[in-house]
Protein backbone atom coordinates (compact mmCIF):
# COMPACT_ATOMS: atom_id res chain seq x y z
CA UNK A 1 1.20 -8.91 -2.74
CA UNK A 2 -2.29 -9.87 -3.93
CA UNK A 3 -5.32 -9.19 -1.74
CA UNK A 4 -8.84 -10.46 -2.47
CA UNK A 5 -12.30 -10.41 -0.94
CA UNK A 6 -14.72 -12.15 -3.29
CA UNK A 7 -14.60 -10.35 -6.65
CA UNK A 8 -12.76 -7.39 -5.13
CA UNK A 9 -9.03 -7.72 -5.87
CA UNK A 10 -6.03 -5.50 -5.15
CA UNK A 11 -2.34 -5.84 -5.91
CA UNK A 12 0.17 -3.95 -3.78
CA UNK A 13 3.73 -3.80 -5.05
CA UNK A 14 6.97 -1.98 -4.44
CA UNK A 15 7.52 0.48 -7.30
CA UNK A 16 10.86 1.92 -6.13
CA UNK A 17 13.04 2.09 -3.02
CA UNK A 18 15.65 4.37 -1.48
CA UNK A 19 17.49 4.11 1.84
CA UNK A 20 14.59 5.70 3.75
CA UNK A 21 11.55 5.59 1.49
CA UNK A 22 9.41 3.13 -0.45
CA UNK A 23 7.14 4.03 -3.35
CA UNK A 24 4.15 1.73 -3.25
CA UNK A 25 1.78 1.06 -6.14
CA UNK A 26 -1.74 -0.24 -5.58
CA UNK A 27 -3.79 -1.55 -8.49
CA UNK A 28 -7.45 -2.56 -8.43
CA UNK A 29 -9.84 -4.31 -10.81
CA UNK A 30 -12.43 -1.66 -9.90
CA UNK A 31 -12.11 2.12 -9.59
CA UNK A 32 -11.38 3.26 -6.04
CA UNK A 33 -12.86 6.33 -4.40
CA UNK A 34 -10.04 6.57 -1.84
CA UNK A 35 -6.94 4.67 -0.69
CA UNK A 36 -4.89 5.14 2.50
CA UNK A 37 -1.61 3.46 3.45
CA UNK A 38 0.53 3.43 6.60
CA UNK A 39 3.43 1.51 8.13
CA UNK A 40 3.35 -0.06 11.58
CA UNK A 41 6.79 -0.77 13.05
CA UNK A 42 7.66 -2.18 16.47
CA UNK A 43 7.93 1.23 18.14
CA UNK A 44 6.17 3.49 15.65
CA UNK A 45 2.72 3.56 14.10
CA UNK A 46 2.45 6.19 11.41
CA UNK A 47 -0.94 7.66 10.60
CA UNK A 48 -2.31 6.36 7.31
CA UNK A 49 -1.65 8.76 4.46
CA UNK A 50 -3.76 9.20 1.34
CA UNK A 51 -2.53 7.60 -1.85
CA UNK A 52 -2.99 9.42 -5.17
CA UNK A 53 -4.68 8.05 -8.27
CA UNK A 54 -2.33 8.04 -11.24
CA UNK A 55 -5.07 8.70 -13.82
CA UNK A 56 -8.81 9.20 -14.31
CA UNK A 57 -9.63 5.47 -14.09
CA UNK A 58 -8.78 5.49 -10.35
CA UNK A 59 -7.50 1.92 -10.64
CA UNK A 60 -3.80 2.60 -9.99
CA UNK A 61 -2.68 4.53 -6.90
CA UNK A 62 0.79 5.56 -5.66
CA UNK A 63 2.32 6.76 -2.39
CA UNK A 64 5.79 7.26 -0.99
CA UNK A 65 6.13 6.00 2.58
CA UNK A 66 9.01 6.35 5.04
CA UNK A 67 10.65 3.03 5.85
CA UNK A 68 13.95 2.36 7.60
CA UNK A 69 13.96 -1.41 7.03
CA UNK A 70 12.60 -2.53 10.41
CA UNK A 71 11.92 -6.25 10.56
CA UNK A 72 8.40 -7.20 11.54
CA UNK A 73 6.85 -4.05 10.05
CA UNK A 74 3.33 -4.14 8.65
CA UNK A 75 1.53 -2.17 5.98
CA UNK A 76 -2.00 -1.08 6.83
CA UNK A 77 -4.23 -0.35 3.89
CA UNK A 78 -7.77 1.04 3.68
CA UNK A 79 -9.62 1.54 0.41
CA UNK A 80 -13.10 2.70 -0.53
CA UNK A 81 -14.82 1.32 -3.62
CA UNK A 82 -18.50 1.38 -4.53
CA UNK A 83 -19.30 2.98 -1.14
CA UNK A 84 -17.72 0.05 0.76
CA UNK A 85 -14.54 0.23 2.84
CA UNK A 86 -11.99 -2.59 2.78
CA UNK A 87 -9.11 -2.97 5.25
CA UNK A 88 -5.91 -5.04 5.07
CA UNK A 89 -2.85 -5.52 7.24
CA UNK A 90 0.09 -7.05 5.38
CA UNK A 91 3.54 -8.08 6.66
CA UNK A 92 6.28 -6.33 4.69
CA UNK A 93 8.06 -9.60 3.91
CA UNK A 94 7.08 -9.24 0.23
CA UNK A 95 9.29 -6.10 0.04
CA UNK A 96 12.46 -8.18 0.34
CA UNK A 97 15.87 -7.04 1.48
CA UNK A 98 17.40 -5.89 -1.78
CA UNK A 99 17.24 -2.43 -3.29
CA UNK A 100 15.14 -2.04 -6.43
CA UNK A 101 16.27 1.39 -7.68
């Protein structure tokens, strides 16, 4: 899933999947100061959790999130880069129904 706001670009993708958990990878053209991710399902809205940078460039971030496969779920994302905060809400349709592990 590609997200863009002017020159600011992010790519959110599924890195791995189990029965109850997704590992999400976020990549950015620019270093990020912070990234938060959460899932919004029909009857549950989890608090956003911090993602972790995978290296010193702070351009690739990872996070495991609980997910039971609810249809209609959304991912909420907030990132900080260059002292600006960007928000996105993305339907989880790009996750697909098949397992990737």
